[in-house]
Amino acid sequence: MTSWSFLTNHARVLLCIAHDPGMRLRDLAASVGITERSAHGIVTDLAAAGYVVKQKDGRRNRYQIQAHLPLPEPTSQEPAIGEVLALLAGASAKRKAAPITGAGDMRAVLRARAKEAAPAALASTKAAPLPKPRS
């Protein structure tokens, strides 16, 4: 039996970056279960698409997610990446899910939940300075 996931490796890497913007590629790869080379390629893809801004912080990189950007889906009414990350990062885990009947309802639920519980780093639509790394 093959194993599979609803989320692509790109989405899983983005979730890891949302959780820890200063995560090393080696740790990111181990967390997602991919090679370091694959993790580097995915971060490069995300940066080239504009979803992640890479900034040098000494010898390490820190990443900033551009949460206001829409998902790379063919329809233009999809939620922003920050709304989806907030939902996937557990913003809705603390409450019961309301029944969703259609795509319009899903978008409304995602937007409402993101506004209620999104971390400031994900909800921001402006590029803010990165916080200092933990010592």
Protein backbone atom coordinates (compact mmCIF):
# COMPACT_ATOMS: atom_id res chain seq x y z
CA MET A 1 0.00 0.00 0.00
CA THR A 2 1.46 3.38 -0.98
CA SER A 3 1.32 6.34 1.37
CA TRP A 4 0.07 9.71 0.20
CA SER A 5 -0.82 13.11 1.56
CA PHE A 6 -3.31 15.84 0.72
CA LEU A 7 -0.54 18.42 0.94
CA THR A 8 2.30 18.72 -1.52
CA ASN A 9 5.86 18.99 -0.29
CA HIS A 10 5.73 22.68 -1.24
CA ALA A 11 2.79 23.22 1.13
CA ARG A 12 4.47 21.22 3.88
CA VAL A 13 7.69 23.24 3.53
CA LEU A 14 5.67 26.46 3.65
CA LEU A 15 3.99 25.28 6.87
CA CYS A 16 7.39 24.55 8.43
CA ILE A 17 8.63 28.01 7.47
CA ALA A 18 5.46 29.55 8.95
CA HIS A 19 6.14 27.71 12.20
CA ASP A 20 9.85 28.61 12.34
CA PRO A 21 11.08 31.29 9.89
CA GLY A 22 14.70 30.66 10.89
CA MET A 23 14.63 26.89 10.33
CA ARG A 24 17.74 25.46 8.64
CA LEU A 25 17.27 23.58 5.37
CA ARG A 26 18.62 20.41 7.01
CA ASP A 27 15.96 20.60 9.74
CA LEU A 28 13.26 21.56 7.27
CA ALA A 29 14.11 18.54 5.10
CA ALA A 30 14.06 16.20 8.09
CA SER A 31 10.73 17.60 9.27
CA VAL A 32 9.08 17.13 5.87
CA GLY A 33 10.82 13.82 5.13
CA ILE A 34 12.67 14.89 2.01
CA THR A 35 16.31 15.36 1.08
CA GLU A 36 18.13 18.60 1.84
CA ARG A 37 18.57 19.10 -1.91
CA SER A 38 14.80 18.77 -2.45
CA ALA A 39 14.14 21.21 0.39
CA HIS A 40 16.52 23.70 -1.22
CA GLY A 41 14.72 23.31 -4.55
CA ILE A 42 11.32 23.84 -2.97
CA VAL A 43 12.45 26.94 -1.04
CA THR A 44 13.97 28.26 -4.28
CA ASP A 45 10.65 27.62 -6.09
CA LEU A 46 8.69 29.40 -3.36
CA ALA A 47 11.10 32.36 -3.40
CA ALA A 48 11.02 32.60 -7.20
CA ALA A 49 7.20 32.62 -7.12
CA GLY A 50 7.27 35.39 -4.51
CA TYR A 51 5.64 33.42 -1.68
CA VAL A 52 8.79 33.49 0.45
CA VAL A 53 11.39 36.23 0.85
CA LYS A 54 14.81 34.92 1.85
CA GLN A 55 16.99 37.19 4.00
CA LYS A 56 20.51 36.52 5.20
CA ASP A 57 20.93 36.63 8.98
CA GLY A 58 24.60 36.05 9.69
CA ARG A 59 25.44 32.60 8.35
CA ARG A 60 21.81 31.53 8.26
CA ASN A 61 18.74 32.42 6.25
CA ARG A 62 15.45 33.68 7.64
CA TYR A 63 12.31 33.42 5.60
CA GLN A 64 9.32 35.71 5.46
CA ILE A 65 6.06 34.45 3.99
CA GLN A 66 4.15 36.85 1.79
CA ALA A 67 0.78 35.90 3.27
CA HIS A 68 -1.29 38.26 1.14
CA LEU A 69 -0.52 36.46 -2.13
CA PRO A 70 -3.24 34.25 -3.62
CA LEU A 71 -2.84 30.52 -4.02
CA PRO A 72 -1.36 29.45 -7.36
CA GLU A 73 -4.67 27.98 -8.53
CA PRO A 74 -6.43 28.62 -11.84
CA THR A 75 -9.44 30.35 -10.25
CA SER A 76 -8.95 33.88 -8.99
CA GLN A 77 -11.38 33.60 -6.06
CA GLU A 78 -9.16 31.33 -3.98
CA PRO A 79 -8.09 32.51 -0.52
CA ALA A 80 -4.71 34.07 0.16
CA ILE A 81 -1.84 31.81 1.17
CA GLY A 82 -1.85 33.25 4.70
CA GLU A 83 -5.48 32.25 5.20
CA VAL A 84 -4.76 28.68 4.21
CA LEU A 85 -1.60 28.53 6.34
CA ALA A 86 -3.51 29.82 9.36
CA LEU A 87 -6.09 27.11 8.89
CA LEU A 88 -3.53 24.34 8.36
CA ALA A 89 -1.33 25.52 11.22
CA GLY A 90 -4.10 24.69 13.65
CA ALA A 91 -6.14 27.86 13.87
CA SER A 92 -9.32 25.81 13.61
CA ALA A 93 -8.19 22.92 15.84
CA LYS A 94 -9.56 24.61 18.95
CA ARG A 95 -13.17 24.73 17.73
CA LYS A 96 -15.63 22.44 16.05
CA ALA A 97 -15.73 22.72 12.29
CA ALA A 98 -18.95 24.07 10.85
CA PRO A 99 -20.48 22.08 8.00
CA ILE A 100 -19.30 23.37 4.64
CA THR A 101 -21.66 22.96 1.71
CA GLY A 102 -19.82 24.54 -1.22
CA ALA A 103 -16.70 26.27 -2.47
CA GLY A 104 -18.11 29.70 -1.55
CA ASP A 105 -18.68 28.52 2.01
CA MET A 106 -15.13 27.17 2.17
CA ARG A 107 -13.69 30.51 1.14
CA ALA A 108 -15.83 32.32 3.69
CA VAL A 109 -14.84 29.91 6.47
CA LEU A 110 -11.15 30.20 5.60
CA ARG A 111 -11.28 33.99 5.60
CA ALA A 112 -13.20 34.16 8.88
CA ARG A 113 -10.91 31.71 10.66
CA ALA A 114 -7.78 33.41 9.35
CA LYS A 115 -8.97 36.80 10.61
CA GLU A 116 -9.78 35.36 14.04
CA ALA A 117 -6.72 33.27 14.73
CA ALA A 118 -3.92 33.95 12.27
CA PRO A 119 -0.56 34.82 13.82
CA ALA A 120 0.54 38.36 13.11
CA ALA A 121 3.32 37.12 10.83
CA LEU A 122 0.82 35.31 8.61
CA ALA A 123 -1.94 37.92 8.65
CA SER A 124 0.30 40.81 7.71
CA THR A 125 0.04 42.07 4.16
CA LYS A 126 3.03 44.38 4.51
CA ALA A 127 6.62 43.29 4.53
CA ALA A 128 7.68 43.79 8.13
CA PRO A 129 11.21 43.53 9.47
CA LEU A 130 12.14 40.06 10.62
CA PRO A 131 12.49 39.45 14.35
CA LYS A 132 15.94 38.90 15.82
CA PRO A 133 16.96 35.23 16.00
CA ARG A 134 16.73 33.47 19.34
CA SER A 135 20.04 32.99 21.09
